[in-house]
Amino acid sequence: MVTGRGEQMVCVTGAGGFIGSWLVKELLHRGYFVRGVMREPADIKNAHLHVLDGAREGLSLYRADVLDRNSLRAAFALCDGVFHVASPVSNDPELLPAAIEGTKNVINAAADMGVKRVVFTSSYGAVHMNPNRRSDQIVDESCWSDLEFCKQTQNWYCYAKMLAERTAMEEASKRGVNLLVVVPAVTVGEMLQPTLNASVHRVATYMMGTKSAYPNAVAAYVDVRDVARAHALVYEHPDARGRYLCIGSVLHRSEFVRLLRELFPQYPITSRCKDNSKPMVKPYKFSVQRLETLGMQFTPLKESLYRTVISLQDKGHLPAAISRRSAL
């Protein structure tokens, strides 16, 4: 395994975001020197990184754009490893180049600077969007979304993440880079950054009663701290290869909102399904055995949701309608 600040310098793209911030925190805790890459390091939205434990000695911020390969080369110089987290979380087709070409630039810039180990943050959107998957099939690292289905349904985020991951694989193979891929599900938990990210915003809409009903649907979830640990684990294990699903639980949306209501009964969280005329969609089975063999243990979703809502309150995105006593 690779440990010790004096031995390793690593770079994290998208360091100021939800997952990126926790990854920086995790890597600092493990003793690495960390370079955080972002378009505007001086932006106030990145100030939270400077107060992380170990940041004064171990963190530096670099300006770079994933569409500018030269700026990436400068950021990756002298680095032992790169964690490519940066990607637009959007369904805007205009942002496809940032996800796909940006990933190609990251892999090649890393190879140009002699970096041999890159961890890429994919998405569960690259795995589960396949209407032809059998209901009894266990979802694992061999599963891929259906690209044509993503196009037909205009799910450009899943389309982009799938192509970005395949691009990363192709470029890494050409350039002799050892590519490791972490595939997180819908990520929830405490926010370190001040701004509201997409997955936590989903929780906020239920808390505020913005959603009057929930869909008859199933989704996969994982704690952001577990996602950060997964990145570090695959990087540190010399025998790690390929994809690693990072999923804590799969459950029906009715169970998701039930947990929120149980934790925070004072909020106007819906209990109505918008389409109960059809049979309830059943949660599917999944395997995270590959990640568990590296020592991964997952946080219970109830704890993750509690931390999510308290974080929303602390950051001013949600009124504090309950006391701070533990609801767990």
Protein backbone atom coordinates (compact mmCIF):
# COMPACT_ATOMS: atom_id res chain seq x y z
CA MET A 1 0.00 0.00 0.00
CA VAL A 2 1.00 3.61 -0.55
CA THR A 3 0.95 5.79 2.56
CA GLY A 4 2.88 8.71 3.98
CA ARG A 5 2.81 12.40 3.13
CA GLY A 6 6.52 12.41 2.46
CA GLU A 7 6.13 9.74 -0.21
CA GLN A 8 3.11 10.79 -2.27
CA MET A 9 1.82 13.88 -4.06
CA VAL A 10 -1.63 13.44 -5.57
CA CYS A 11 -3.93 15.72 -7.54
CA VAL A 12 -7.73 15.98 -7.31
CA THR A 13 -9.75 17.63 -10.09
CA GLY A 14 -13.03 19.19 -9.00
CA ALA A 15 -11.59 19.49 -5.49
CA GLY A 16 -14.13 22.07 -4.33
CA GLY A 17 -17.23 20.00 -5.09
CA PHE A 18 -19.27 17.65 -2.91
CA ILE A 19 -17.27 14.45 -3.53
CA GLY A 20 -14.04 16.29 -4.31
CA SER A 21 -14.00 18.10 -0.97
CA TRP A 22 -14.46 14.90 1.00
CA LEU A 23 -11.79 13.19 -1.09
CA VAL A 24 -9.33 15.99 -0.31
CA LYS A 25 -10.19 15.62 3.38
CA GLU A 26 -9.69 11.84 3.23
CA LEU A 27 -6.37 12.08 1.42
CA LEU A 28 -5.03 14.70 3.83
CA HIS A 29 -6.06 12.48 6.71
CA ARG A 30 -4.12 9.62 5.15
CA GLY A 31 -1.00 11.73 4.93
CA TYR A 32 -0.77 12.75 1.28
CA PHE A 33 0.29 16.06 -0.15
CA VAL A 34 -2.75 17.11 -2.17
CA ARG A 35 -3.13 19.48 -5.11
CA GLY A 36 -6.70 20.62 -5.60
CA VAL A 37 -7.52 21.57 -9.19
CA MET A 38 -10.32 23.99 -10.06
CA ARG A 39 -11.04 26.81 -12.48
CA GLU A 40 -10.97 29.58 -9.85
CA PRO A 41 -8.98 28.63 -6.73
CA ALA A 42 -9.55 32.06 -5.14
CA ASP A 43 -13.35 31.80 -5.35
CA ILE A 44 -14.96 32.03 -1.92
CA LYS A 45 -16.83 28.79 -2.60
CA ASN A 46 -13.48 26.96 -2.22
CA ALA A 47 -12.55 28.57 1.11
CA HIS A 48 -13.76 25.54 3.07
CA LEU A 49 -10.80 23.54 1.78
CA HIS A 50 -8.30 25.73 3.59
CA VAL A 51 -9.71 24.86 7.02
CA LEU A 52 -9.55 21.08 6.59
CA ASP A 53 -7.27 19.26 9.00
CA GLY A 54 -3.80 19.13 7.47
CA ALA A 55 -4.59 21.68 4.75
CA ARG A 56 -2.06 24.25 5.93
CA GLU A 57 0.83 21.84 5.46
CA GLY A 58 -0.50 19.48 2.84
CA LEU A 59 -2.89 21.26 0.45
CA SER A 60 -2.26 23.57 -2.48
CA LEU A 61 -4.83 24.79 -5.00
CA TYR A 62 -4.12 25.02 -8.74
CA ARG A 63 -6.00 26.77 -11.51
CA ALA A 64 -6.76 24.49 -14.47
CA ASP A 65 -9.53 23.70 -16.93
CA VAL A 66 -10.20 20.13 -18.08
CA LEU A 67 -10.59 21.43 -21.63
CA ASP A 68 -7.08 22.94 -21.48
CA ARG A 69 -4.56 20.11 -21.55
CA ASN A 70 -1.58 22.39 -20.92
CA SER A 71 -3.11 23.72 -17.71
CA LEU A 72 -3.62 20.14 -16.56
CA ARG A 73 -0.01 19.26 -17.30
CA ALA A 74 1.14 22.08 -15.05
CA ALA A 75 -1.13 20.88 -12.23
CA PHE A 76 -0.05 17.24 -12.58
CA ALA A 77 3.70 17.93 -12.66
CA LEU A 78 5.58 15.89 -10.03
CA CYS A 79 2.37 14.11 -8.96
CA ASP A 80 2.33 10.37 -8.26
CA GLY A 81 -1.39 9.95 -8.80
CA VAL A 82 -4.44 11.79 -10.14
CA PHE A 83 -8.06 11.58 -9.00
CA HIS A 84 -10.37 12.85 -11.74
CA VAL A 85 -13.59 13.87 -9.99
CA ALA A 86 -14.53 16.99 -11.95
CA SER A 87 -17.56 16.61 -14.22
CA PRO A 88 -20.70 18.64 -14.84
CA VAL A 89 -23.72 17.21 -13.01
CA SER A 90 -26.24 18.40 -15.54
CA ASN A 91 -28.58 17.18 -18.23
CA ASP A 92 -27.48 19.98 -20.57
CA PRO A 93 -26.13 18.44 -23.83
CA GLU A 94 -23.94 21.52 -24.29
CA LEU A 95 -21.79 20.27 -21.39
CA LEU A 96 -20.97 16.91 -22.98
CA PRO A 97 -17.47 18.05 -24.09
CA ALA A 98 -16.52 18.97 -20.52
CA ALA A 99 -17.29 15.41 -19.41
CA ILE A 100 -15.93 13.47 -22.39
CA GLU A 101 -13.13 15.59 -23.90
CA GLY A 102 -12.22 16.78 -20.42
CA THR A 103 -11.67 13.18 -19.33
CA LYS A 104 -9.57 12.48 -22.41
CA ASN A 105 -7.41 15.49 -21.60
CA VAL A 106 -6.96 14.42 -17.99
CA ILE A 107 -5.76 10.92 -18.90
CA ASN A 108 -3.36 12.20 -21.54
CA ALA A 109 -2.04 15.07 -19.43
CA ALA A 110 -1.41 12.60 -16.61
CA ALA A 111 0.44 10.29 -19.01
CA ASP A 112 2.42 13.24 -20.41
CA MET A 113 3.66 14.03 -16.89
CA GLY A 114 4.57 10.44 -16.06
CA VAL A 115 1.60 9.70 -13.80
CA LYS A 116 0.96 5.97 -13.86
CA ARG A 117 -2.10 5.70 -11.60
CA VAL A 118 -5.39 7.54 -12.20
CA VAL A 119 -8.67 7.11 -10.31
CA PHE A 120 -11.73 8.18 -12.30
CA THR A 121 -15.06 9.03 -10.68
CA SER A 122 -17.77 7.54 -12.86
CA SER A 123 -21.46 7.38 -11.96
CA TYR A 124 -24.13 4.80 -11.39
CA GLY A 125 -25.76 6.47 -14.38
CA ALA A 126 -23.21 4.59 -16.49
CA VAL A 127 -24.46 1.28 -15.08
CA HIS A 128 -28.19 1.05 -14.43
CA MET A 129 -29.90 2.81 -17.40
CA ASN A 130 -30.74 -0.35 -19.29
CA PRO A 131 -34.41 -1.27 -19.85
CA ASN A 132 -33.36 -4.72 -21.09
CA ARG A 133 -31.70 -5.79 -17.85
CA ARG A 134 -33.48 -8.78 -16.32
CA SER A 135 -35.27 -8.08 -13.04
CA ASP A 136 -33.41 -10.94 -11.36
CA GLN A 137 -29.98 -9.86 -12.61
CA ILE A 138 -27.45 -8.86 -9.97
CA VAL A 139 -26.04 -5.44 -10.82
CA ASP A 140 -22.25 -5.52 -10.68
CA GLU A 141 -19.20 -4.10 -12.45
CA SER A 142 -20.03 -5.94 -15.68
CA CYS A 143 -23.23 -3.91 -16.15
CA TRP A 144 -23.46 -0.89 -18.45
CA SER A 145 -26.22 1.53 -19.31
CA ASP A 146 -27.73 1.34 -22.79
CA LEU A 147 -26.26 4.26 -24.75
CA GLU A 148 -29.11 4.42 -27.27
CA PHE A 149 -31.69 4.35 -24.49
CA CYS A 150 -29.94 7.29 -22.81
CA LYS A 151 -30.06 9.20 -26.09
CA GLN A 152 -33.70 8.35 -26.78
CA THR A 153 -34.75 9.47 -23.30
CA GLN A 154 -32.40 12.51 -23.49
CA ASN A 155 -30.67 11.50 -20.29
CA TRP A 156 -27.52 13.35 -21.24
CA TYR A 157 -25.89 13.09 -17.83
CA CYS A 158 -25.87 9.28 -17.93
CA TYR A 159 -24.88 9.38 -21.60
CA ALA A 160 -21.94 11.65 -20.81
CA LYS A 161 -20.70 9.64 -17.81
CA MET A 162 -20.83 6.41 -19.77
CA LEU A 163 -18.88 7.83 -22.71
CA ALA A 164 -16.45 9.57 -20.36
CA GLU A 165 -15.70 6.31 -18.58
CA ARG A 166 -15.17 4.44 -21.84
CA THR A 167 -12.98 7.27 -23.11
CA ALA A 168 -10.90 7.05 -19.94
CA MET A 169 -10.45 3.31 -20.45
CA GLU A 170 -9.42 3.70 -24.09
CA GLU A 171 -6.95 6.52 -23.46
CA ALA A 172 -5.45 4.83 -20.39
CA SER A 173 -4.90 1.64 -22.39
CA LYS A 174 -3.14 3.58 -25.16
CA ARG A 175 -0.91 5.52 -22.77
CA GLY A 176 -0.03 2.78 -20.28
CA VAL A 177 -1.88 4.36 -17.38
CA ASN A 178 -3.30 2.13 -14.64
CA LEU A 179 -6.91 3.32 -14.53
CA LEU A 180 -9.15 2.63 -11.54
CA VAL A 181 -12.85 3.53 -11.70
CA VAL A 182 -15.12 4.22 -8.73
CA VAL A 183 -18.83 4.07 -9.64
CA PRO A 184 -20.87 5.80 -6.91
CA ALA A 185 -24.65 5.74 -6.65
CA VAL A 186 -26.74 8.79 -5.66
CA THR A 187 -24.44 10.38 -3.11
CA VAL A 188 -25.78 11.89 0.09
CA GLY A 189 -24.36 13.00 3.43
CA GLU A 190 -22.75 16.02 5.03
CA MET A 191 -21.71 18.88 2.76
CA LEU A 192 -18.31 20.45 3.32
CA GLN A 193 -18.84 22.98 0.51
CA PRO A 194 -21.21 25.94 1.05
CA THR A 195 -23.14 25.51 -2.20
CA LEU A 196 -26.00 23.06 -2.72
CA ASN A 197 -25.15 20.12 -4.97
CA ALA A 198 -27.63 18.15 -7.07
CA SER A 199 -28.02 14.96 -5.01
CA VAL A 200 -28.43 16.79 -1.69
CA HIS A 201 -30.86 19.21 -3.36
CA ARG A 202 -33.08 16.18 -4.02
CA VAL A 203 -33.28 15.56 -0.27
CA ALA A 204 -34.04 19.25 0.37
CA THR A 205 -37.01 19.20 -2.01
CA TYR A 206 -38.61 16.40 -0.02
CA MET A 207 -37.89 18.12 3.29
CA MET A 208 -39.51 21.37 2.17
CA GLY A 209 -42.59 19.64 0.79
CA THR A 210 -41.74 20.82 -2.73
CA LYS A 211 -42.45 17.31 -3.98
CA SER A 212 -46.10 16.51 -3.30
CA ALA A 213 -45.61 12.87 -4.25
CA TYR A 214 -42.78 10.42 -4.82
CA PRO A 215 -42.34 8.23 -7.91
CA ASN A 216 -42.90 4.50 -8.01
CA ALA A 217 -39.20 3.96 -8.50
CA VAL A 218 -36.08 2.41 -7.02
CA ALA A 219 -32.71 4.12 -6.57
CA ALA A 220 -29.26 3.34 -5.19
CA TYR A 221 -27.60 5.48 -2.53
CA VAL A 222 -24.22 5.87 -0.84
CA ASP A 223 -22.65 8.14 1.78
CA VAL A 224 -20.19 10.74 0.47
CA ARG A 225 -17.63 9.70 3.10
CA ASP A 226 -17.77 6.15 1.75
CA VAL A 227 -17.22 7.44 -1.78
CA ALA A 228 -14.10 9.30 -0.64
CA ARG A 229 -12.80 6.22 1.19
CA ALA A 230 -13.45 4.07 -1.87
CA HIS A 231 -11.26 6.33 -4.00
CA ALA A 232 -8.42 6.10 -1.48
CA LEU A 233 -8.77 2.33 -1.10
CA VAL A 234 -8.54 1.56 -4.80
CA TYR A 235 -5.60 3.93 -5.18
CA GLU A 236 -3.66 2.39 -2.31
CA HIS A 237 -4.12 -1.27 -3.22
CA PRO A 238 -1.47 -2.18 -5.81
CA ASP A 239 -3.54 -5.06 -7.20
CA ALA A 240 -6.68 -2.97 -7.75
CA ARG A 241 -7.87 -2.93 -11.36
CA GLY A 242 -10.92 -1.75 -13.31
CA ARG A 243 -14.34 -0.75 -11.99
CA TYR A 244 -15.61 -0.73 -8.42
CA LEU A 245 -19.31 -0.22 -7.68
CA CYS A 246 -19.80 2.03 -4.66
CA ILE A 247 -23.36 1.43 -3.41
CA GLY A 248 -24.58 1.39 0.16
CA SER A 249 -28.23 0.47 -0.41
CA VAL A 250 -30.93 0.09 -3.05
CA LEU A 251 -34.49 0.84 -2.00
CA HIS A 252 -37.86 2.04 -3.21
CA ARG A 253 -38.52 5.76 -2.96
CA SER A 254 -41.31 5.06 -0.46
CA GLU A 255 -38.70 3.67 1.94
CA PHE A 256 -36.45 6.66 1.30
CA VAL A 257 -39.13 9.18 2.29
CA ARG A 258 -40.24 6.97 5.20
CA LEU A 259 -36.74 7.24 6.65
CA LEU A 260 -36.84 11.03 6.28
CA ARG A 261 -40.24 11.24 7.97
CA GLU A 262 -39.06 9.01 10.80
CA LEU A 263 -35.96 11.13 11.39
CA PHE A 264 -37.62 14.53 10.95
CA PRO A 265 -41.38 14.30 11.59
CA GLN A 266 -41.73 18.11 11.86
CA TYR A 267 -41.07 18.58 8.14
CA PRO A 268 -43.83 18.33 5.47
CA ILE A 269 -42.46 15.22 3.78
CA THR A 270 -44.92 13.57 1.42
CA SER A 271 -46.31 10.08 2.01
CA ARG A 272 -48.11 9.88 -1.35
CA CYS A 273 -46.97 7.89 -4.37
CA LYS A 274 -47.66 9.62 -7.68
CA ASP A 275 -48.32 6.34 -9.48
CA ASN A 276 -49.68 3.61 -7.21
CA SER A 277 -51.92 2.17 -9.93
CA LYS A 278 -49.03 -0.05 -11.02
CA PRO A 279 -47.30 -2.74 -8.95
CA MET A 280 -44.59 -1.37 -6.70
CA VAL A 281 -41.18 -1.56 -8.35
CA LYS A 282 -38.99 -4.00 -6.44
CA PRO A 283 -35.43 -3.18 -5.36
CA TYR A 284 -32.87 -5.18 -7.32
CA LYS A 285 -29.86 -7.05 -6.03
CA PHE A 286 -26.39 -5.62 -6.39
CA SER A 287 -22.84 -6.65 -5.60
CA VAL A 288 -20.08 -4.51 -4.08
CA GLN A 289 -17.88 -7.49 -3.35
CA ARG A 290 -14.92 -6.07 -5.27
CA LEU A 291 -14.82 -2.98 -3.07
CA GLU A 292 -15.47 -4.94 0.12
CA THR A 293 -12.45 -7.14 -0.58
CA LEU A 294 -10.36 -3.97 -0.27
CA GLY A 295 -11.76 -3.35 3.21
CA MET A 296 -14.78 -1.18 2.40
CA GLN A 297 -17.65 -0.94 4.90
CA PHE A 298 -20.73 1.12 4.10
CA THR A 299 -22.55 3.67 6.25
CA PRO A 300 -26.26 2.91 6.94
CA LEU A 301 -28.50 5.14 4.83
CA LYS A 302 -30.42 6.34 7.88
CA GLU A 303 -27.24 7.85 9.30
CA SER A 304 -26.35 9.38 5.92
CA LEU A 305 -29.76 11.03 5.59
CA TYR A 306 -29.56 12.42 9.11
CA ARG A 307 -26.17 13.97 8.35
CA THR A 308 -27.54 15.31 5.05
CA VAL A 309 -30.40 17.20 6.66
CA ILE A 310 -28.33 18.57 9.55
CA SER A 311 -25.82 19.79 6.96
CA LEU A 312 -28.60 21.47 4.97
CA GLN A 313 -29.65 23.27 8.13
CA ASP A 314 -26.09 24.28 9.02
CA LYS A 315 -25.45 25.69 5.55
CA GLY A 316 -28.69 27.70 5.59
CA HIS A 317 -30.41 25.69 2.85
CA LEU A 318 -33.11 24.38 5.18
CA PRO A 319 -34.84 25.90 8.24
CA ALA A 320 -33.95 24.20 11.50
CA ALA A 321 -37.39 22.83 12.30
CA ILE A 322 -36.12 20.26 14.83
CA SER A 323 -33.85 20.23 17.85
CA ARG A 324 -30.27 18.96 17.63
CA ARG A 325 -30.88 15.84 19.71
CA SER A 326 -29.76 12.70 17.91
CA ALA A 327 -32.50 10.99 15.98
CA LEU A 328 -30.47 7.84 15.36
